[in-house]
Amino acid sequence: MTADRTAWEQRSVARVVSPVRPRKLAKVPFVEMADGRLQGVVSSGSDIERVYVSSITAGTHTYNCSTNNNRPCGGLSSYMCKHLRSLVDEAVLQYGVDRVAGYLRVELAEGDRLADCLQGGVERTQGAAVFSRFLRHLAYLELPVTTEPIAELHWFPATGAVG
């Protein structure tokens, strides 16, 4: 590594957060805290070719779960379905319970399970943007292994702030 590269890395504002604990990606291959929601893609337990786009809105704790082509989850009702509970559990593994609870604006008492503290109702939302980001992440798995920057992920100039 050169001195120039080290200097660039120190100026970068993008920080990669390591997972709190390793997690298995087969059940919940994609989870993120973005757009004011905890959201992600959850595999179906009964059909290997079906996935669900699940989300929980921060603050209100309203939730939605539907297939990637917007068919409602059959288990979604006045309580969260198993896909939403899996999403919360995997987010806790990825980011830690304090960070997820803080993002969702949930007060947890000692011994509380985060998913049990989310008392919102169903609010239908479109999952296309979340599913599209998931597919974009999958595309990176097909790139050849390299230690060089990937052009489309190189958002910040190496020379410092512009302006």
N, C-alpha and C. Protein backbone atom coordinates (compact mmCIF):
# COMPACT_ATOMS: atom_id res chain seq x y z
N MET A 1 0.85 -1.17 0.00
CA MET A 1 0.00 0.00 0.00
C MET A 1 0.90 1.23 0.00
N THR A 2 0.58 2.22 -0.83
CA THR A 2 1.39 3.42 -0.93
C THR A 2 0.93 4.46 0.08
N ALA A 3 1.77 5.45 0.29
CA ALA A 3 1.42 6.53 1.22
C ALA A 3 0.21 7.31 0.70
N ASP A 4 0.11 7.49 -0.65
CA ASP A 4 -1.03 8.20 -1.22
C ASP A 4 -2.33 7.45 -0.94
N ARG A 5 -2.30 6.15 -1.08
CA ARG A 5 -3.51 5.36 -0.83
C ARG A 5 -3.91 5.44 0.64
N THR A 6 -2.95 5.36 1.53
CA THR A 6 -3.24 5.47 2.96
C THR A 6 -3.87 6.82 3.28
N ALA A 7 -3.35 7.89 2.69
CA ALA A 7 -3.91 9.22 2.92
C ALA A 7 -5.34 9.30 2.41
N TRP A 8 -5.61 8.71 1.24
CA TRP A 8 -6.98 8.72 0.70
C TRP A 8 -7.93 7.98 1.63
N GLU A 9 -7.51 6.82 2.12
CA GLU A 9 -8.36 6.04 3.00
C GLU A 9 -8.68 6.78 4.28
N GLN A 10 -7.74 7.57 4.78
CA GLN A 10 -7.99 8.33 5.99
C GLN A 10 -8.95 9.49 5.75
N ARG A 11 -9.01 10.02 4.52
CA ARG A 11 -9.92 11.13 4.20
C ARG A 11 -11.31 10.64 3.82
N SER A 12 -11.45 9.39 3.51
CA SER A 12 -12.73 8.87 3.05
C SER A 12 -13.78 8.98 4.14
N VAL A 13 -15.00 9.35 3.74
CA VAL A 13 -16.10 9.45 4.70
C VAL A 13 -16.93 8.18 4.71
N ALA A 14 -16.72 7.30 3.76
CA ALA A 14 -17.46 6.04 3.72
C ALA A 14 -16.78 5.05 4.65
N ARG A 15 -17.54 4.51 5.59
CA ARG A 15 -16.97 3.59 6.56
C ARG A 15 -17.70 2.27 6.45
N VAL A 16 -16.96 1.19 6.43
CA VAL A 16 -17.55 -0.14 6.39
C VAL A 16 -17.69 -0.63 7.83
N VAL A 17 -18.89 -1.04 8.18
CA VAL A 17 -19.14 -1.54 9.53
C VAL A 17 -19.17 -3.06 9.47
N SER A 18 -18.28 -3.67 10.22
CA SER A 18 -18.24 -5.13 10.25
C SER A 18 -19.46 -5.67 10.97
N PRO A 19 -19.94 -6.84 10.58
CA PRO A 19 -21.09 -7.43 11.28
C PRO A 19 -20.75 -7.69 12.74
N VAL A 20 -21.75 -7.54 13.60
CA VAL A 20 -21.56 -7.82 15.02
C VAL A 20 -21.24 -9.29 15.21
N ARG A 21 -22.02 -10.14 14.54
CA ARG A 21 -21.78 -11.59 14.55
C ARG A 21 -21.99 -12.09 13.14
N PRO A 22 -21.29 -13.14 12.76
CA PRO A 22 -21.52 -13.70 11.42
C PRO A 22 -22.95 -14.20 11.30
N ARG A 23 -23.50 -14.09 10.12
CA ARG A 23 -24.85 -14.58 9.92
C ARG A 23 -24.92 -15.39 8.65
N LYS A 24 -25.90 -16.29 8.59
CA LYS A 24 -26.11 -17.12 7.41
C LYS A 24 -27.01 -16.37 6.46
N LEU A 25 -26.61 -16.30 5.22
CA LEU A 25 -27.32 -15.49 4.23
C LEU A 25 -28.45 -16.24 3.53
N ALA A 26 -28.62 -17.51 3.78
CA ALA A 26 -29.63 -18.29 3.06
C ALA A 26 -31.05 -17.82 3.39
N LYS A 27 -31.32 -17.51 4.63
CA LYS A 27 -32.68 -17.12 5.03
C LYS A 27 -32.96 -15.64 4.75
N VAL A 28 -32.01 -14.77 5.09
CA VAL A 28 -32.17 -13.33 4.86
C VAL A 28 -30.91 -12.85 4.14
N PRO A 29 -30.92 -12.92 2.81
CA PRO A 29 -29.70 -12.58 2.07
C PRO A 29 -29.38 -11.08 2.03
N PHE A 30 -30.36 -10.23 2.36
CA PHE A 30 -30.13 -8.79 2.26
C PHE A 30 -30.89 -8.08 3.36
N VAL A 31 -30.20 -7.29 4.15
CA VAL A 31 -30.84 -6.48 5.19
C VAL A 31 -30.12 -5.14 5.24
N GLU A 32 -30.92 -4.07 5.35
CA GLU A 32 -30.34 -2.73 5.43
C GLU A 32 -31.23 -1.82 6.26
N MET A 33 -30.62 -0.78 6.79
CA MET A 33 -31.35 0.28 7.46
C MET A 33 -31.21 1.49 6.54
N ALA A 34 -32.27 1.79 5.80
CA ALA A 34 -32.22 2.86 4.81
C ALA A 34 -33.62 3.40 4.57
N ASP A 35 -33.69 4.63 4.09
CA ASP A 35 -34.97 5.25 3.73
C ASP A 35 -35.94 5.29 4.90
N GLY A 36 -35.43 5.37 6.13
CA GLY A 36 -36.28 5.43 7.30
C GLY A 36 -36.93 4.11 7.66
N ARG A 37 -36.38 3.02 7.13
CA ARG A 37 -36.95 1.69 7.41
C ARG A 37 -35.84 0.68 7.60
N LEU A 38 -36.17 -0.35 8.38
CA LEU A 38 -35.39 -1.58 8.37
C LEU A 38 -36.02 -2.40 7.27
N GLN A 39 -35.25 -2.81 6.29
CA GLN A 39 -35.82 -3.49 5.13
C GLN A 39 -34.85 -4.51 4.59
N GLY A 40 -35.41 -5.47 3.87
CA GLY A 40 -34.55 -6.49 3.29
C GLY A 40 -35.32 -7.52 2.51
N VAL A 41 -34.59 -8.53 2.07
CA VAL A 41 -35.14 -9.63 1.29
C VAL A 41 -35.02 -10.90 2.13
N VAL A 42 -36.13 -11.62 2.23
CA VAL A 42 -36.21 -12.83 3.04
C VAL A 42 -36.64 -13.99 2.15
N SER A 43 -35.94 -15.10 2.24
CA SER A 43 -36.29 -16.27 1.44
C SER A 43 -37.57 -16.91 1.97
N SER A 44 -38.33 -17.48 1.05
CA SER A 44 -39.54 -18.22 1.43
C SER A 44 -39.14 -19.52 2.11
N GLY A 45 -39.91 -19.93 3.08
CA GLY A 45 -39.64 -21.20 3.73
C GLY A 45 -40.17 -22.39 2.95
N SER A 46 -41.09 -22.12 2.00
CA SER A 46 -41.73 -23.23 1.29
C SER A 46 -41.37 -23.33 -0.19
N ASP A 47 -40.91 -22.24 -0.80
CA ASP A 47 -40.61 -22.24 -2.23
C ASP A 47 -39.24 -21.61 -2.45
N ILE A 48 -38.30 -22.39 -2.92
CA ILE A 48 -36.92 -21.92 -3.09
C ILE A 48 -36.82 -20.76 -4.09
N GLU A 49 -37.77 -20.64 -4.99
CA GLU A 49 -37.72 -19.59 -6.00
C GLU A 49 -38.47 -18.32 -5.59
N ARG A 50 -39.03 -18.29 -4.39
CA ARG A 50 -39.80 -17.13 -3.95
C ARG A 50 -39.06 -16.40 -2.85
N VAL A 51 -39.04 -15.08 -2.95
CA VAL A 51 -38.49 -14.25 -1.88
C VAL A 51 -39.51 -13.18 -1.51
N TYR A 52 -39.36 -12.66 -0.32
CA TYR A 52 -40.24 -11.61 0.19
C TYR A 52 -39.43 -10.36 0.46
N VAL A 53 -40.02 -9.22 0.17
CA VAL A 53 -39.43 -7.94 0.51
C VAL A 53 -40.18 -7.46 1.75
N SER A 54 -39.45 -7.33 2.84
CA SER A 54 -40.05 -7.00 4.13
C SER A 54 -39.48 -5.68 4.63
N SER A 55 -40.32 -4.89 5.30
CA SER A 55 -39.84 -3.61 5.83
C SER A 55 -40.62 -3.21 7.07
N ILE A 56 -39.92 -2.47 7.95
CA ILE A 56 -40.51 -1.91 9.16
C ILE A 56 -40.10 -0.45 9.21
N THR A 57 -41.07 0.44 9.31
CA THR A 57 -40.79 1.87 9.32
C THR A 57 -40.32 2.31 10.70
N ALA A 58 -39.27 3.11 10.73
CA ALA A 58 -38.74 3.65 11.99
C ALA A 58 -39.77 4.60 12.60
N GLY A 59 -39.90 4.55 13.90
CA GLY A 59 -40.80 5.44 14.62
C GLY A 59 -42.21 4.92 14.74
N THR A 60 -42.89 4.70 13.62
CA THR A 60 -44.28 4.22 13.66
C THR A 60 -44.36 2.71 13.79
N HIS A 61 -43.32 2.02 13.37
CA HIS A 61 -43.22 0.56 13.39
C HIS A 61 -44.28 -0.12 12.53
N THR A 62 -44.82 0.61 11.56
CA THR A 62 -45.70 -0.04 10.59
C THR A 62 -44.83 -0.96 9.74
N TYR A 63 -45.44 -1.98 9.19
CA TYR A 63 -44.65 -2.98 8.49
C TYR A 63 -45.38 -3.47 7.25
N ASN A 64 -44.58 -4.08 6.37
CA ASN A 64 -45.12 -4.67 5.16
C ASN A 64 -44.26 -5.86 4.77
N CYS A 65 -44.90 -6.81 4.13
CA CYS A 65 -44.19 -7.97 3.61
C CYS A 65 -44.95 -8.44 2.37
N SER A 66 -44.22 -8.55 1.26
CA SER A 66 -44.83 -9.02 0.02
C SER A 66 -43.76 -9.70 -0.81
N THR A 67 -44.21 -10.45 -1.81
CA THR A 67 -43.24 -11.07 -2.71
C THR A 67 -42.58 -9.97 -3.53
N ASN A 68 -41.50 -10.33 -4.22
CA ASN A 68 -40.80 -9.34 -5.03
C ASN A 68 -41.67 -8.76 -6.15
N ASN A 69 -42.77 -9.41 -6.49
CA ASN A 69 -43.69 -8.83 -7.48
C ASN A 69 -44.99 -8.34 -6.81
N ASN A 70 -44.86 -7.92 -5.55
CA ASN A 70 -45.90 -7.22 -4.79
C ASN A 70 -47.15 -8.02 -4.45
N ARG A 71 -47.06 -9.32 -4.37
CA ARG A 71 -48.18 -10.11 -3.86
C ARG A 71 -48.05 -10.16 -2.34
N PRO A 72 -49.11 -9.86 -1.60
CA PRO A 72 -49.01 -9.80 -0.14
C PRO A 72 -48.62 -11.14 0.48
N CYS A 73 -47.89 -11.07 1.56
CA CYS A 73 -47.52 -12.26 2.32
C CYS A 73 -48.77 -12.83 2.97
N GLY A 74 -48.96 -14.13 2.89
CA GLY A 74 -50.14 -14.77 3.47
C GLY A 74 -50.13 -14.76 4.99
N GLY A 75 -48.98 -14.62 5.62
CA GLY A 75 -48.90 -14.62 7.07
C GLY A 75 -48.99 -13.24 7.70
N LEU A 76 -49.11 -12.20 6.88
CA LEU A 76 -49.14 -10.83 7.38
C LEU A 76 -50.55 -10.47 7.82
N SER A 77 -50.68 -10.02 9.06
CA SER A 77 -51.99 -9.60 9.58
C SER A 77 -51.76 -8.53 10.63
N SER A 78 -52.50 -8.56 11.71
CA SER A 78 -52.35 -7.55 12.76
C SER A 78 -51.07 -7.79 13.57
N TYR A 79 -50.34 -8.84 13.26
CA TYR A 79 -49.05 -9.09 13.88
C TYR A 79 -48.04 -9.42 12.78
N MET A 80 -46.78 -9.30 13.11
CA MET A 80 -45.73 -9.50 12.12
C MET A 80 -45.61 -10.97 11.71
N CYS A 81 -45.40 -11.20 10.42
CA CYS A 81 -45.21 -12.55 9.90
C CYS A 81 -43.80 -13.04 10.23
N LYS A 82 -43.54 -14.30 9.92
CA LYS A 82 -42.23 -14.89 10.21
C LYS A 82 -41.11 -14.24 9.39
N HIS A 83 -41.45 -13.72 8.20
CA HIS A 83 -40.43 -13.06 7.38
C HIS A 83 -39.93 -11.79 8.07
N LEU A 84 -40.86 -11.01 8.63
CA LEU A 84 -40.48 -9.78 9.33
C LEU A 84 -39.67 -10.10 10.58
N ARG A 85 -40.07 -11.13 11.30
CA ARG A 85 -39.32 -11.52 12.50
C ARG A 85 -37.91 -11.98 12.14
N SER A 86 -37.79 -12.70 11.04
CA SER A 86 -36.46 -13.13 10.57
C SER A 86 -35.62 -11.92 10.18
N LEU A 87 -36.24 -10.94 9.53
CA LEU A 87 -35.53 -9.72 9.15
C LEU A 87 -34.97 -9.02 10.38
N VAL A 88 -35.78 -8.87 11.41
CA VAL A 88 -35.33 -8.21 12.65
C VAL A 88 -34.20 -9.00 13.28
N ASP A 89 -34.35 -10.31 13.38
CA ASP A 89 -33.32 -11.14 14.00
C ASP A 89 -31.99 -11.03 13.25
N GLU A 90 -32.03 -11.05 11.94
CA GLU A 90 -30.80 -10.95 11.15
C GLU A 90 -30.20 -9.55 11.21
N ALA A 91 -31.04 -8.53 11.29
CA ALA A 91 -30.53 -7.16 11.44
C ALA A 91 -29.78 -7.03 12.76
N VAL A 92 -30.29 -7.65 13.81
CA VAL A 92 -29.62 -7.63 15.11
C VAL A 92 -28.26 -8.33 15.01
N LEU A 93 -28.19 -9.43 14.28
CA LEU A 93 -26.90 -10.10 14.08
C LEU A 93 -25.94 -9.21 13.29
N GLN A 94 -26.46 -8.54 12.27
CA GLN A 94 -25.63 -7.72 11.40
C GLN A 94 -25.16 -6.43 12.08
N TYR A 95 -26.08 -5.71 12.72
CA TYR A 95 -25.78 -4.37 13.23
C TYR A 95 -25.72 -4.27 14.74
N GLY A 96 -26.24 -5.24 15.46
CA GLY A 96 -26.30 -5.16 16.91
C GLY A 96 -27.65 -4.63 17.36
N VAL A 97 -28.12 -5.12 18.50
CA VAL A 97 -29.46 -4.77 18.97
C VAL A 97 -29.57 -3.27 19.28
N ASP A 98 -28.53 -2.66 19.85
CA ASP A 98 -28.61 -1.25 20.20
C ASP A 98 -28.75 -0.36 18.97
N ARG A 99 -28.00 -0.69 17.93
CA ARG A 99 -28.05 0.12 16.71
C ARG A 99 -29.40 -0.02 16.00
N VAL A 100 -29.92 -1.24 15.91
CA VAL A 100 -31.21 -1.46 15.25
C VAL A 100 -32.34 -0.82 16.06
N ALA A 101 -32.33 -1.02 17.37
CA ALA A 101 -33.37 -0.42 18.22
C ALA A 101 -33.31 1.10 18.14
N GLY A 102 -32.11 1.66 18.13
CA GLY A 102 -31.97 3.12 17.99
C GLY A 102 -32.51 3.62 16.66
N TYR A 103 -32.21 2.90 15.59
CA TYR A 103 -32.69 3.30 14.26
C TYR A 103 -34.21 3.24 14.19
N LEU A 104 -34.79 2.19 14.75
CA LEU A 104 -36.25 2.04 14.72
C LEU A 104 -36.95 2.88 15.79
N ARG A 105 -36.17 3.47 16.68
CA ARG A 105 -36.68 4.27 17.81
C ARG A 105 -37.54 3.42 18.74
N VAL A 106 -36.92 2.40 19.28
CA VAL A 106 -37.57 1.46 20.20
C VAL A 106 -36.82 1.50 21.53
N GLU A 107 -37.57 1.59 22.61
CA GLU A 107 -36.98 1.48 23.96
C GLU A 107 -37.08 0.03 24.39
N LEU A 108 -35.93 -0.58 24.64
CA LEU A 108 -35.91 -1.98 25.05
C LEU A 108 -35.62 -2.09 26.54
N ALA A 109 -36.41 -2.88 27.23
CA ALA A 109 -36.12 -3.20 28.62
C ALA A 109 -35.22 -4.44 28.64
N GLU A 110 -34.57 -4.66 29.75
CA GLU A 110 -33.70 -5.82 29.90
C GLU A 110 -34.45 -7.11 29.56
N GLY A 111 -33.90 -7.90 28.66
CA GLY A 111 -34.49 -9.18 28.31
C GLY A 111 -35.55 -9.12 27.22
N ASP A 112 -35.93 -7.92 26.77
CA ASP A 112 -36.93 -7.80 25.70
C ASP A 112 -36.35 -8.26 24.37
N ARG A 113 -37.16 -8.90 23.56
CA ARG A 113 -36.80 -9.25 22.19
C ARG A 113 -37.30 -8.12 21.30
N LEU A 114 -36.45 -7.60 20.46
CA LEU A 114 -36.77 -6.43 19.66
C LEU A 114 -38.05 -6.61 18.85
N ALA A 115 -38.21 -7.74 18.19
CA ALA A 115 -39.39 -7.97 17.36
C ALA A 115 -40.69 -7.89 18.17
N ASP A 116 -40.64 -8.26 19.45
CA ASP A 116 -41.84 -8.23 20.29
C ASP A 116 -42.21 -6.81 20.71
N CYS A 117 -41.30 -5.86 20.57
CA CYS A 117 -41.56 -4.47 20.98
C CYS A 117 -42.09 -3.62 19.83
N LEU A 118 -42.22 -4.17 18.66
CA LEU A 118 -42.69 -3.43 17.48
C LEU A 118 -44.19 -3.64 17.34
N GLN A 119 -44.98 -2.66 17.72
CA GLN A 119 -46.42 -2.82 17.79
C GLN A 119 -47.17 -2.04 16.71
N GLY A 120 -46.54 -1.75 15.60
CA GLY A 120 -47.22 -1.06 14.50
C GLY A 120 -48.18 -1.98 13.79
N GLY A 121 -48.84 -1.45 12.79
CA GLY A 121 -49.76 -2.25 11.98
C GLY A 121 -49.27 -2.34 10.56
N VAL A 122 -50.07 -2.96 9.73
CA VAL A 122 -49.71 -3.14 8.32
C VAL A 122 -49.86 -1.81 7.58
N GLU A 123 -48.86 -1.48 6.79
CA GLU A 123 -48.90 -0.33 5.89
C GLU A 123 -48.30 -0.80 4.57
N ARG A 124 -49.12 -0.91 3.56
CA ARG A 124 -48.66 -1.42 2.26
C ARG A 124 -47.67 -0.45 1.63
N THR A 125 -46.52 -0.97 1.28
CA THR A 125 -45.48 -0.19 0.59
C THR A 125 -44.97 -1.01 -0.58
N GLN A 126 -44.38 -0.36 -1.53
CA GLN A 126 -43.80 -1.02 -2.68
C GLN A 126 -42.39 -1.48 -2.33
N GLY A 127 -42.05 -2.68 -2.69
CA GLY A 127 -40.74 -3.23 -2.38
C GLY A 127 -39.77 -3.21 -3.55
N ALA A 128 -40.16 -2.59 -4.65
CA ALA A 128 -39.33 -2.64 -5.85
C ALA A 128 -37.94 -2.04 -5.65
N ALA A 129 -37.84 -0.93 -4.95
CA ALA A 129 -36.54 -0.29 -4.74
C ALA A 129 -35.62 -1.16 -3.90
N VAL A 130 -36.17 -1.79 -2.87
CA VAL A 130 -35.37 -2.67 -2.01
C VAL A 130 -34.91 -3.88 -2.81
N PHE A 131 -35.81 -4.47 -3.56
CA PHE A 131 -35.46 -5.65 -4.35
C PHE A 131 -34.42 -5.29 -5.41
N SER A 132 -34.55 -4.13 -6.01
CA SER A 132 -33.59 -3.68 -7.01
C SER A 132 -32.19 -3.52 -6.40
N ARG A 133 -32.11 -2.95 -5.19
CA ARG A 133 -30.81 -2.82 -4.53
C ARG A 133 -30.22 -4.18 -4.21
N PHE A 134 -31.06 -5.11 -3.80
CA PHE A 134 -30.61 -6.48 -3.54
C PHE A 134 -30.01 -7.09 -4.80
N LEU A 135 -30.70 -6.95 -5.93
CA LEU A 135 -30.18 -7.50 -7.19
C LEU A 135 -28.86 -6.83 -7.57
N ARG A 136 -28.74 -5.54 -7.28
CA ARG A 136 -27.51 -4.82 -7.58
C ARG A 136 -26.36 -5.40 -6.75
N HIS A 137 -26.62 -5.68 -5.47
CA HIS A 137 -25.60 -6.28 -4.61
C HIS A 137 -25.20 -7.66 -5.13
N LEU A 138 -26.16 -8.43 -5.62
CA LEU A 138 -25.84 -9.74 -6.17
C LEU A 138 -24.91 -9.63 -7.38
N ALA A 139 -25.08 -8.58 -8.16
CA ALA A 139 -24.24 -8.39 -9.35
C ALA A 139 -22.77 -8.25 -8.96
N TYR A 140 -22.49 -7.68 -7.79
CA TYR A 140 -21.10 -7.53 -7.37
C TYR A 140 -20.44 -8.87 -7.09
N LEU A 141 -21.22 -9.89 -6.78
CA LEU A 141 -20.65 -11.22 -6.54
C LEU A 141 -20.09 -11.83 -7.82
N GLU A 142 -20.54 -11.35 -8.96
CA GLU A 142 -20.09 -11.89 -10.23
C GLU A 142 -18.83 -11.20 -10.75
N LEU A 143 -18.40 -10.13 -10.11
CA LEU A 143 -17.19 -9.42 -10.54
C LEU A 143 -15.95 -10.22 -10.17
N PRO A 144 -14.90 -10.13 -10.98
CA PRO A 144 -13.66 -10.82 -10.62
C PRO A 144 -13.07 -10.22 -9.34
N VAL A 145 -12.39 -11.03 -8.58
CA VAL A 145 -11.78 -10.59 -7.33
C VAL A 145 -10.69 -9.57 -7.64
N THR A 146 -10.72 -8.46 -6.93
CA THR A 146 -9.71 -7.41 -7.10
C THR A 146 -9.58 -6.62 -5.82
N THR A 147 -8.43 -6.02 -5.65
CA THR A 147 -8.23 -5.11 -4.52
C THR A 147 -8.28 -3.65 -4.98
N GLU A 148 -8.48 -3.45 -6.28
CA GLU A 148 -8.57 -2.11 -6.84
C GLU A 148 -9.99 -1.56 -6.64
N PRO A 149 -10.13 -0.24 -6.60
CA PRO A 149 -11.47 0.35 -6.46
C PRO A 149 -12.36 0.01 -7.66
N ILE A 150 -13.64 -0.16 -7.40
CA ILE A 150 -14.62 -0.40 -8.45
C ILE A 150 -15.19 0.96 -8.83
N ALA A 151 -15.15 1.29 -10.12
CA ALA A 151 -15.49 2.64 -10.57
C ALA A 151 -16.85 3.13 -10.05
N GLU A 152 -17.88 2.34 -10.13
CA GLU A 152 -19.19 2.81 -9.71
C GLU A 152 -19.34 2.91 -8.20
N LEU A 153 -18.43 2.34 -7.45
CA LEU A 153 -18.45 2.47 -5.99
C LEU A 153 -17.50 3.57 -5.51
N HIS A 154 -16.81 4.19 -6.42
CA HIS A 154 -15.82 5.21 -6.09
C HIS A 154 -16.51 6.58 -6.15
N TRP A 155 -17.29 6.88 -5.12
CA TRP A 155 -18.14 8.08 -5.11
C TRP A 155 -17.40 9.34 -4.72
N PHE A 156 -16.35 9.23 -3.96
CA PHE A 156 -15.68 10.40 -3.41
C PHE A 156 -14.33 10.58 -4.08
N PRO A 157 -14.00 11.81 -4.44
CA PRO A 157 -12.70 12.03 -5.11
C PRO A 157 -11.54 11.75 -4.15
N ALA A 158 -10.48 11.20 -4.69
CA ALA A 158 -9.30 10.86 -3.89
C ALA A 158 -8.52 12.10 -3.48
N THR A 159 -8.76 13.22 -4.10
CA THR A 159 -8.01 14.44 -3.80
C THR A 159 -8.65 15.27 -2.72
N GLY A 160 -9.73 14.85 -2.14
CA GLY A 160 -10.38 15.63 -1.07
C GLY A 160 -11.70 16.21 -1.56
N ALA A 161 -12.22 17.12 -0.80
CA ALA A 161 -13.54 17.71 -1.09
C ALA A 161 -13.48 18.55 -2.36
N VAL A 162 -14.56 18.53 -3.10
CA VAL A 162 -14.68 19.32 -4.32
C VAL A 162 -15.27 20.68 -3.96
N GLY A 163 -14.74 21.74 -4.55
CA GLY A 163 -15.38 23.04 -4.33
C GLY A 163 -14.48 24.11 -3.91
